[in-house]
Protein backbone atom coordinates (compact mmCIF):
# COMPACT_ATOMS: atom_id res chain seq x y z
CA UNK A 1 0.00 0.00 0.00
CA UNK A 2 1.30 3.46 -0.85
CA UNK A 3 0.48 4.72 2.64
CA UNK A 4 3.05 2.36 4.12
CA UNK A 5 6.01 3.48 2.04
CA UNK A 6 9.31 3.26 3.88
CA UNK A 7 11.98 5.91 3.74
CA UNK A 8 14.07 3.63 1.54
CA UNK A 9 11.31 3.25 -1.03
CA UNK A 10 10.62 6.99 -0.99
CA UNK A 11 14.25 7.67 -1.77
CA UNK A 12 14.53 4.96 -4.40
CA UNK A 13 12.96 6.84 -7.32
CA UNK A 14 14.96 10.07 -7.02
CA UNK A 15 18.15 8.09 -6.35
CA UNK A 16 17.49 6.13 -9.52
CA UNK A 17 17.46 9.42 -11.40
CA UNK A 18 21.00 10.25 -10.33
CA UNK A 19 23.55 9.37 -13.02
CA UNK A 20 26.93 7.64 -13.27
CA UNK A 21 28.66 5.30 -10.86
CA UNK A 22 25.65 4.53 -8.68
CA UNK A 23 24.24 2.56 -11.63
CA UNK A 24 27.49 1.12 -12.87
CA UNK A 25 27.72 3.59 -15.77
CA UNK A 26 31.28 4.93 -15.72
CA UNK A 27 31.97 8.12 -17.68
CA UNK A 28 34.42 7.81 -20.55
CA UNK A 29 36.55 10.74 -19.45
CA UNK A 30 37.89 11.74 -16.06
CA UNK A 31 36.63 15.29 -16.54
CA UNK A 32 33.07 14.09 -17.16
CA UNK A 33 33.31 11.80 -14.16
CA UNK A 34 34.43 14.69 -11.98
CA UNK A 35 31.51 16.83 -13.16
CA UNK A 36 28.94 14.12 -12.38
CA UNK A 37 30.43 12.87 -9.11
CA UNK A 38 27.96 13.33 -6.21
CA UNK A 39 28.72 16.31 -3.97
CA UNK A 40 27.41 15.88 -0.41
CA UNK A 41 26.55 19.01 1.58
CA UNK A 42 24.22 20.23 4.29
CA UNK A 43 21.13 22.11 3.13
CA UNK A 44 18.59 23.47 5.66
CA UNK A 45 19.74 20.98 8.29
CA UNK A 46 19.62 17.90 6.05
CA UNK A 47 22.18 16.24 3.76
CA UNK A 48 21.85 16.97 0.06
CA UNK A 49 23.67 14.98 -2.59
CA UNK A 50 24.04 16.34 -6.11
CA UNK A 51 26.39 17.12 -8.94
CA UNK A 52 27.29 20.13 -11.05
CA UNK A 53 24.97 19.08 -13.86
CA UNK A 54 21.86 19.74 -11.78
CA UNK A 55 20.99 16.34 -10.35
CA UNK A 56 20.34 16.34 -6.61
CA UNK A 57 18.41 14.58 -3.87
CA UNK A 58 17.56 15.73 -0.35
CA UNK A 59 15.37 14.27 2.43
CA UNK A 60 12.90 16.60 4.10
CA UNK A 61 10.65 16.37 7.12
CA UNK A 62 8.97 18.17 9.98
CA UNK A 63 7.63 17.33 13.43
CA UNK A 64 5.18 19.55 15.30
CA UNK A 65 4.08 18.31 18.72
CA UNK A 66 1.15 20.14 20.32
CA UNK A 67 -0.18 20.23 23.85
CA UNK A 68 -3.63 21.84 23.78
CA UNK A 69 -6.63 22.59 25.96
CA UNK A 70 -10.00 24.29 25.64
CA UNK A 71 -11.98 25.70 28.57
CA UNK A 72 -15.71 25.92 27.80
CA UNK A 73 -18.78 26.50 30.02
CA UNK A 74 -19.24 23.43 32.23
CA UNK A 75 -22.86 23.10 31.19
CA UNK A 76 -21.73 22.21 27.65
CA UNK A 77 -19.83 19.22 29.02
CA UNK A 78 -16.89 20.14 26.77
CA UNK A 79 -14.28 20.84 29.44
CA UNK A 80 -11.24 18.78 28.46
CA UNK A 81 -7.94 17.96 30.05
CA UNK A 82 -4.80 18.75 28.13
CA UNK A 83 -4.56 16.75 24.92
CA UNK A 84 -1.31 16.16 23.08
CA UNK A 85 -0.84 15.14 19.48
CA UNK A 86 1.59 15.05 16.60
CA UNK A 87 0.02 17.96 14.73
CA UNK A 88 2.26 17.21 11.77
CA UNK A 89 4.82 14.43 11.34
CA UNK A 90 5.99 14.53 7.75
CA UNK A 91 8.69 12.76 5.83
CA UNK A 92 9.56 13.19 2.18
CA UNK A 93 12.17 13.86 -0.43
CA UNK A 94 13.10 16.64 -2.86
CA UNK A 95 14.97 15.97 -6.10
CA UNK A 96 16.14 18.05 -9.04
CA UNK A 97 17.15 17.22 -12.61
CA UNK A 98 18.98 19.26 -15.26
CA UNK A 99 16.93 21.75 -17.25
CA UNK A 100 15.00 23.34 -14.37
CA UNK A 101 13.01 20.25 -13.30
CA UNK A 102 12.23 19.44 -9.65
CA UNK A 103 10.26 16.74 -7.83
CA UNK A 104 8.74 16.41 -4.38
CA UNK A 105 7.02 13.60 -2.52
CA UNK A 106 5.93 14.00 1.10
CA UNK A 107 3.66 12.09 3.48
CA UNK A 108 2.13 12.98 6.82
CA UNK A 109 2.19 10.20 9.41
CA UNK A 110 -0.29 11.61 11.89
CA UNK A 111 -2.05 9.90 14.78
CA UNK A 112 -5.32 9.84 12.80
CA UNK A 113 -4.28 8.56 9.36
CA UNK A 114 -1.35 8.45 6.98
CA UNK A 115 -1.85 10.94 4.18
CA UNK A 116 -0.03 11.96 1.01
CA UNK A 117 0.70 15.68 1.16
CA UNK A 118 2.82 16.81 -1.81
CA UNK A 119 3.39 14.64 -4.88
CA UNK A 120 4.38 16.79 -7.84
CA UNK A 121 6.87 17.67 -10.54
CA UNK A 122 7.74 21.25 -11.48
CA UNK A 123 9.57 23.11 -14.22
CA UNK A 124 11.20 26.51 -13.74
CA UNK A 125 12.44 28.80 -16.49
CA UNK A 126 13.38 32.27 -15.28
CA UNK A 127 10.27 33.94 -13.82
CA UNK A 128 7.97 31.08 -14.92
CA UNK A 129 7.16 28.09 -12.69
CA UNK A 130 4.83 25.27 -13.77
CA UNK A 131 3.73 22.60 -11.28
CA UNK A 132 1.77 19.38 -11.95
CA UNK A 133 0.52 16.86 -9.41
CA UNK A 134 -0.83 17.21 -5.88
CA UNK A 135 0.14 20.59 -4.43
CA UNK A 136 -1.29 23.69 -2.78
CA UNK A 137 -3.95 25.56 -4.69
CA UNK A 138 -3.34 29.28 -5.22
CA UNK A 139 -5.54 30.60 -2.42
CA UNK A 140 -4.69 33.33 0.12
CA UNK A 141 -1.54 34.64 1.75
CA UNK A 142 -1.80 32.59 4.93
CA UNK A 143 -2.69 29.33 3.20
CA UNK A 144 0.43 29.60 1.03
CA UNK A 145 2.65 30.42 4.02
CA UNK A 146 4.16 27.20 5.33
CA UNK A 147 2.90 25.85 8.65
CA UNK A 148 6.54 26.15 9.75
CA UNK A 149 6.30 29.94 9.49
CA UNK A 150 2.78 30.93 10.58
CA UNK A 151 2.32 33.18 13.63
CA UNK A 152 -0.14 30.95 15.50
CA UNK A 153 -0.61 27.24 15.98
CA UNK A 154 -3.54 27.22 13.54
CA UNK A 155 -4.24 29.37 10.52
CA UNK A 156 -7.24 31.68 10.32
CA UNK A 157 -10.52 29.82 10.86
CA UNK A 158 -11.82 30.49 7.33
CA UNK A 159 -8.94 28.57 5.68
CA UNK A 160 -10.05 25.38 7.45
CA UNK A 161 -13.77 26.08 7.29
CA UNK A 162 -13.74 26.60 3.52
CA UNK A 163 -11.60 23.47 3.07
CA UNK A 164 -8.45 24.90 1.54
CA UNK A 165 -6.20 21.92 0.91
CA UNK A 166 -3.78 20.36 -1.52
CA UNK A 167 -5.38 19.06 -4.71
CA UNK A 168 -4.29 17.34 -7.89
CA UNK A 169 -3.90 19.77 -10.76
CA UNK A 170 -1.71 21.98 -12.90
CA UNK A 171 -0.71 25.50 -11.90
CA UNK A 172 1.54 28.25 -13.20
CA UNK A 173 3.33 31.11 -11.49
CA UNK A 174 4.92 34.16 -13.09
CA UNK A 175 6.94 36.78 -11.22
CA UNK A 176 7.78 40.05 -12.97
CA UNK A 177 9.53 42.62 -10.76
CA UNK A 178 6.92 43.47 -8.09
CA UNK A 179 4.00 41.52 -9.59
CA UNK A 180 3.06 37.90 -8.89
CA UNK A 181 0.47 36.02 -10.97
CA UNK A 182 -0.65 32.49 -10.09
CA UNK A 183 -3.35 30.36 -11.72
CA UNK A 184 -4.34 26.71 -11.72
CA UNK A 185 -6.94 24.09 -12.55
CA UNK A 186 -7.52 21.37 -9.96
CA UNK A 187 -9.54 18.24 -9.24
CA UNK A 188 -9.84 16.67 -5.78
CA UNK A 189 -7.31 15.80 -3.15
CA UNK A 190 -5.65 12.47 -3.95
CA UNK A 191 -7.65 10.86 -1.12
CA UNK A 192 -11.00 11.95 -2.64
CA UNK A 193 -10.60 11.40 -6.37
CA UNK A 194 -13.93 9.60 -6.66
CA UNK A 195 -15.82 12.84 -5.96
CA UNK A 196 -15.05 14.18 -9.48
CA UNK A 197 -15.06 17.82 -8.46
CA UNK A 198 -13.30 20.59 -10.39
CA UNK A 199 -11.98 24.04 -9.50
CA UNK A 200 -10.14 26.97 -11.09
CA UNK A 201 -8.06 29.45 -9.08
CA UNK A 202 -6.34 32.76 -9.80
CA UNK A 203 -4.24 34.91 -7.46
CA UNK A 204 -2.52 38.22 -8.19
CA UNK A 205 -0.27 40.13 -5.81
CA UNK A 206 1.67 43.38 -5.91
CA UNK A 207 4.84 43.34 -3.82
CA UNK A 208 6.33 46.86 -3.84
CA UNK A 209 9.10 47.94 -1.50
CA UNK A 210 8.95 51.56 -0.36
CA UNK A 211 12.14 52.46 1.44
CA UNK A 212 12.35 50.21 4.49
CA UNK A 213 8.79 48.91 4.12
CA UNK A 214 7.90 45.72 2.27
CA UNK A 215 4.26 45.82 1.15
CA UNK A 216 1.91 43.14 -0.12
CA UNK A 217 -1.46 43.71 -1.81
CA UNK A 218 -3.21 40.64 -3.16
CA UNK A 219 -6.46 39.16 -4.34
CA UNK A 220 -7.67 35.69 -5.23
CA UNK A 221 -10.66 34.09 -6.97
CA UNK A 222 -11.70 30.46 -6.51
CA UNK A 223 -14.49 28.78 -8.44
CA UNK A 224 -15.48 25.13 -7.94
CA UNK A 225 -18.25 23.19 -9.63
CA UNK A 226 -19.59 19.90 -8.35
CA UNK A 227 -21.23 16.76 -9.67
CA UNK A 228 -24.94 16.31 -8.97
CA UNK A 229 -25.63 15.25 -5.42
CA UNK A 230 -22.53 16.82 -3.87
CA UNK A 231 -22.84 17.96 -0.26
CA UNK A 232 -20.71 20.68 1.32
CA UNK A 233 -19.99 21.26 4.98
CA UNK A 234 -18.16 24.22 6.46
CA UNK A 235 -16.99 24.06 10.10
CA UNK A 236 -14.17 25.13 12.41
CA UNK A 237 -12.64 24.10 15.73
CA UNK A 238 -12.03 26.58 18.57
CA UNK A 239 -8.40 27.16 17.42
CA UNK A 240 -7.15 23.85 18.90
CA UNK A 241 -6.73 21.04 16.39
CA UNK A 242 -7.10 18.31 19.01
CA UNK A 243 -10.46 19.68 20.22
CA UNK A 244 -13.20 17.10 19.68
CA UNK A 245 -16.03 19.54 19.05
CA UNK A 246 -16.67 22.15 16.38
CA UNK A 247 -18.93 24.90 17.66
CA UNK A 248 -19.55 26.56 14.29
CA UNK A 249 -20.81 24.12 11.67
CA UNK A 250 -23.19 24.45 8.72
CA UNK A 251 -23.92 20.71 8.68
CA UNK A 252 -24.19 19.13 5.23
CA UNK A 253 -26.09 20.92 2.47
CA UNK A 254 -26.39 20.33 -1.26
CA UNK A 255 -24.44 22.55 -3.67
CA UNK A 256 -23.76 22.92 -7.37
CA UNK A 257 -20.85 25.37 -7.17
CA UNK A 258 -18.96 27.76 -4.91
CA UNK A 259 -17.26 31.08 -5.60
CA UNK A 260 -14.63 32.39 -3.23
CA UNK A 261 -13.01 35.82 -3.42
CA UNK A 262 -10.31 37.14 -1.12
CA UNK A 263 -8.29 40.28 -0.45
CA UNK A 264 -4.85 40.30 1.22
CA UNK A 265 -2.59 42.92 2.82
CA UNK A 266 0.74 42.82 4.59
CA UNK A 267 3.44 45.32 5.57
CA UNK A 268 6.84 44.65 7.14
CA UNK A 269 9.17 47.27 8.55
CA UNK A 270 12.08 46.10 10.66
CA UNK A 271 10.81 44.10 13.66
CA UNK A 272 7.11 44.94 13.05
CA UNK A 273 4.68 43.30 10.66
CA UNK A 274 0.96 43.77 10.09
CA UNK A 275 -1.19 41.56 7.93
CA UNK A 276 -4.84 40.76 7.28
CA UNK A 277 -7.22 39.08 4.89
CA UNK A 278 -10.93 39.09 4.07
CA UNK A 279 -12.59 36.14 2.34
CA UNK A 280 -16.12 35.73 0.96
CA UNK A 281 -17.54 32.31 0.06
CA UNK A 282 -20.75 32.24 -2.01
CA UNK A 283 -22.52 28.94 -2.72
CA UNK A 284 -24.94 28.20 -5.56
CA UNK A 285 -27.37 25.56 -4.31
CA UNK A 286 -29.36 25.21 -7.51
CA UNK A 287 -32.88 26.11 -8.66
CA UNK A 288 -35.45 26.89 -6.00
CA UNK A 289 -32.94 27.13 -3.12
CA UNK A 290 -31.51 30.15 -1.32
CA UNK A 291 -27.82 30.73 -2.04
CA UNK A 292 -25.84 31.50 1.17
CA UNK A 293 -22.76 33.69 1.47
CA UNK A 294 -20.27 33.15 4.28
CA UNK A 295 -17.38 35.32 5.45
CA UNK A 296 -14.01 35.03 7.16
CA UNK A 297 -11.34 37.58 8.07
CA UNK A 298 -8.36 38.22 10.32
CA UNK A 299 -6.07 41.10 11.27
CA UNK A 300 -2.65 40.58 12.88
CA UNK A 301 0.26 42.58 14.25
CA UNK A 302 3.59 41.13 15.35
CA UNK A 303 6.81 42.41 16.92
CA UNK A 304 10.28 40.86 17.25
CA UNK A 305 11.86 41.52 20.63
CA UNK A 306 15.38 40.58 19.55
CA UNK A 307 17.42 43.25 17.70
CA UNK A 308 17.85 42.77 13.98
CA UNK A 309 15.20 40.09 13.53
CA UNK A 310 12.33 40.62 11.08
CA UNK A 311 9.63 38.52 9.47
CA UNK A 312 10.91 37.31 6.08
CA UNK A 313 8.77 37.63 2.95
CA UNK A 314 9.31 36.16 -0.51
CA UNK A 315 7.18 35.98 -3.67
CA UNK A 316 3.74 36.36 -2.16
CA UNK A 317 4.08 34.57 1.19
CA UNK A 318 5.91 34.80 4.51
CA UNK A 319 9.12 32.80 4.74
CA UNK A 320 11.15 30.92 7.33
CA UNK A 321 12.47 32.97 10.27
CA UNK A 322 16.26 32.93 10.45
CA UNK A 323 17.51 34.44 13.71
CA UNK A 324 20.26 37.01 13.34
CA UNK A 325 21.90 35.47 16.44
CA UNK A 326 20.83 31.81 16.69
CA UNK A 327 21.61 29.79 19.80
CA UNK A 328 23.99 27.68 17.70
CA UNK A 329 26.22 30.77 17.56
CA UNK A 330 25.81 31.71 21.21
CA UNK A 331 22.91 34.11 20.65
CA UNK A 332 19.37 34.26 22.11
CA UNK A 333 17.60 33.14 18.94
CA UNK A 334 14.59 35.18 17.77
CA UNK A 335 11.77 36.15 20.16
CA UNK A 336 8.45 37.32 18.75
CA UNK A 337 5.00 38.33 20.07
CA UNK A 338 1.85 38.42 17.92
CA UNK A 339 -1.74 39.59 18.38
CA UNK A 340 -4.65 38.64 16.12
CA UNK A 341 -8.38 39.11 15.70
CA UNK A 342 -10.07 36.35 13.69
CA UNK A 343 -13.72 36.16 12.60
CA UNK A 344 -15.80 33.48 10.87
CA UNK A 345 -19.48 33.80 9.94
CA UNK A 346 -21.24 30.61 8.84
CA UNK A 347 -24.83 31.83 9.11
CA UNK A 348 -26.83 33.11 6.14
CA UNK A 349 -30.29 32.47 4.75
CA UNK A 350 -31.66 29.15 5.94
CA UNK A 351 -28.23 27.90 7.11
CA UNK A 352 -27.33 28.69 10.72
CA UNK A 353 -23.77 27.55 11.29
CA UNK A 354 -22.95 30.17 13.92
CA UNK A 355 -20.33 32.89 14.30
CA UNK A 356 -16.91 32.67 15.91
CA UNK A 357 -14.74 35.65 16.87
CA UNK A 358 -11.27 34.94 18.26
CA UNK A 359 -8.82 37.17 20.14
CA UNK A 360 -5.41 35.51 20.08
CA UNK A 361 -1.90 36.12 21.38
CA UNK A 362 1.25 34.12 20.76
CA UNK A 363 4.83 34.10 22.01
CA UNK A 364 7.36 32.41 19.70
CA UNK A 365 10.97 31.51 20.37
CA UNK A 366 12.99 30.48 17.32
CA UNK A 367 16.35 29.18 18.61
CA UNK A 368 17.53 28.39 15.07
CA UNK A 369 16.10 28.34 11.56
CA UNK A 370 15.02 24.70 12.01
CA UNK A 371 13.57 24.82 15.54
CA UNK A 372 10.71 26.67 17.19
CA UNK A 373 8.75 26.78 20.47
CA UNK A 374 5.34 28.51 20.67
CA UNK A 375 2.66 29.37 23.21
CA UNK A 376 -0.70 30.40 21.68
CA UNK A 377 -3.65 31.64 23.79
CA UNK A 378 -7.07 32.49 22.41
CA UNK A 379 -10.52 33.55 23.57
CA UNK A 380 -13.34 32.58 21.21
CA UNK A 381 -16.66 34.39 21.43
CA UNK A 382 -19.62 32.53 19.93
CA UNK A 383 -23.06 33.59 18.82
CA UNK A 384 -25.50 31.10 17.35
CA UNK A 385 -23.17 28.22 18.22
CA UNK A 386 -24.42 24.78 17.20
CA UNK A 387 -24.23 23.52 20.82
CA UNK A 388 -26.54 25.23 23.30
CA UNK A 389 -26.39 25.41 27.07
CA UNK A 390 -29.29 23.78 28.99
CA UNK A 391 -31.18 27.09 29.05
CA UNK A 392 -30.91 27.37 25.25
CA UNK A 393 -28.09 29.93 25.29
CA UNK A 394 -25.87 29.74 22.19
CA UNK A 395 -23.70 32.78 22.97
CA UNK A 396 -20.72 32.08 25.24
CA UNK A 397 -16.91 32.17 25.42
CA UNK A 398 -14.35 29.38 25.05
CA UNK A 399 -10.69 29.77 25.99
CA UNK A 400 -7.93 27.87 24.19
CA UNK A 401 -4.27 27.21 24.88
CA UNK A 402 -1.73 25.51 22.64
CA UNK A 403 1.96 24.87 23.26
CA UNK A 404 4.03 23.64 20.31
CA UNK A 405 7.52 22.25 19.82
CA UNK A 406 8.73 22.16 16.22
CA UNK A 407 11.69 20.71 14.34
CA UNK A 408 12.22 20.44 10.60
CA UNK A 409 14.91 19.64 8.07
C-alpha cells in the first residue's frame, strides 16, 4: 500500500534518477566523471547529494508536537484535560534534474491517518514556474505560508472552514519585478478522487518595496463546480486542532458550485509586521434554493523583541524565520510576540452555522532556523453556536491554549 512506504522506497525513485557510478555507468573521461560525481553538503539541516549538472536529492521532514486545551462552560460538558498530538509528522524527499526540473514527494504520518501531502513535478524557467501533481492551490496569503512559518498554531478559521487543501492539478506562477500572478486548474485531493469535483483558481499580488517597508497587496478568486448530489460542509474548531467539538458548523447541504473571493494585505518594517485578509464564500445551491454567502477575516500585528530580527517575505508569502543570532552561535535566537483578531461567519439564509470571533496572542521563540517553540492563547466568542447550554443559550466564550515544539529539516 502506498500509505506504508518506507523511507528507503521513498528515496529509491529520485536516487534512480542520479547518473553515473551509482548505476554502474562509468563516464568515458575523467573530466566528465568529476563533473557528475555526487557532492554531499548540508542544506537546511539535512544532507543533500548532487552534482554540477543539476541532479540532486535531499530528504525533508517536519515534526510539530502540540499540547492543547479548551476551557468551555461546564454546562456544555466540553471541558477537556490537556490533549497532546503530533500535529504534523511529515517525511519526504526533494529531487532536481537538469533543465530546471524538480520533484517532491511527502507524506504525513499523523495519529489519525497516513496521508499523502505533496506529490508533484515542477519546471522553472526564469520567472515562470509550472507545477503538476498534488500541491497547494493558489488561495490566500496565509494558506500559502508554510505551517513552519505561521504566527499561531492554527491558521485563520476560514482557511479550514472553507476546506483549503492540496489538490491534484496543474498551476503556473509568473513573477515580474513586483507583480506575482498564479493560476491553476484542480480536481480533488488524492484521497478523494472519486468525488469528481473541479476548480479553477487565480491569485494576483503586488509586492512593492517603499524604502524600508515591504508591502503586499493581493487578491484571489476560486471557483469550484460539483457533480450532482454533492454535499458541502463548512466548520471550524475553537483554534485547537485536538479539540473534539466544532462549535460553528453548517452541517451538510447540497451545492452545485462555490465562488470564493479574497483580499490580502501585509506590511513589514524592521521588527514589526501587520497583515490581514478578508474572504467571501458564495454557494450556488441550484434552482429553488436560497444561495448562502459566508465570510471570514483576520487582522494581525507582530513584533520581534530581539534586535535585527524581522519577518521574512518572498514571492507572495511569509518565509522561514532565520535568527540574526541563533543559539547555535551563542545568541538568544529570535523572540516574537503576535496579536490577532479572527472572525468566521457561517450563518446566512436558511443555514445557521454560527459565528466565531477569536482574540489571540502568541509568544514564539525560534532558537535556530530549524527549531521553534510557541505558546498560543485564544478567547473565542460565539453567537448562534451549534451547541446550546441547557437554558438554550448559544452565545458564550471558550478559551484555548496551545503549546508547540517544532523541528524540521
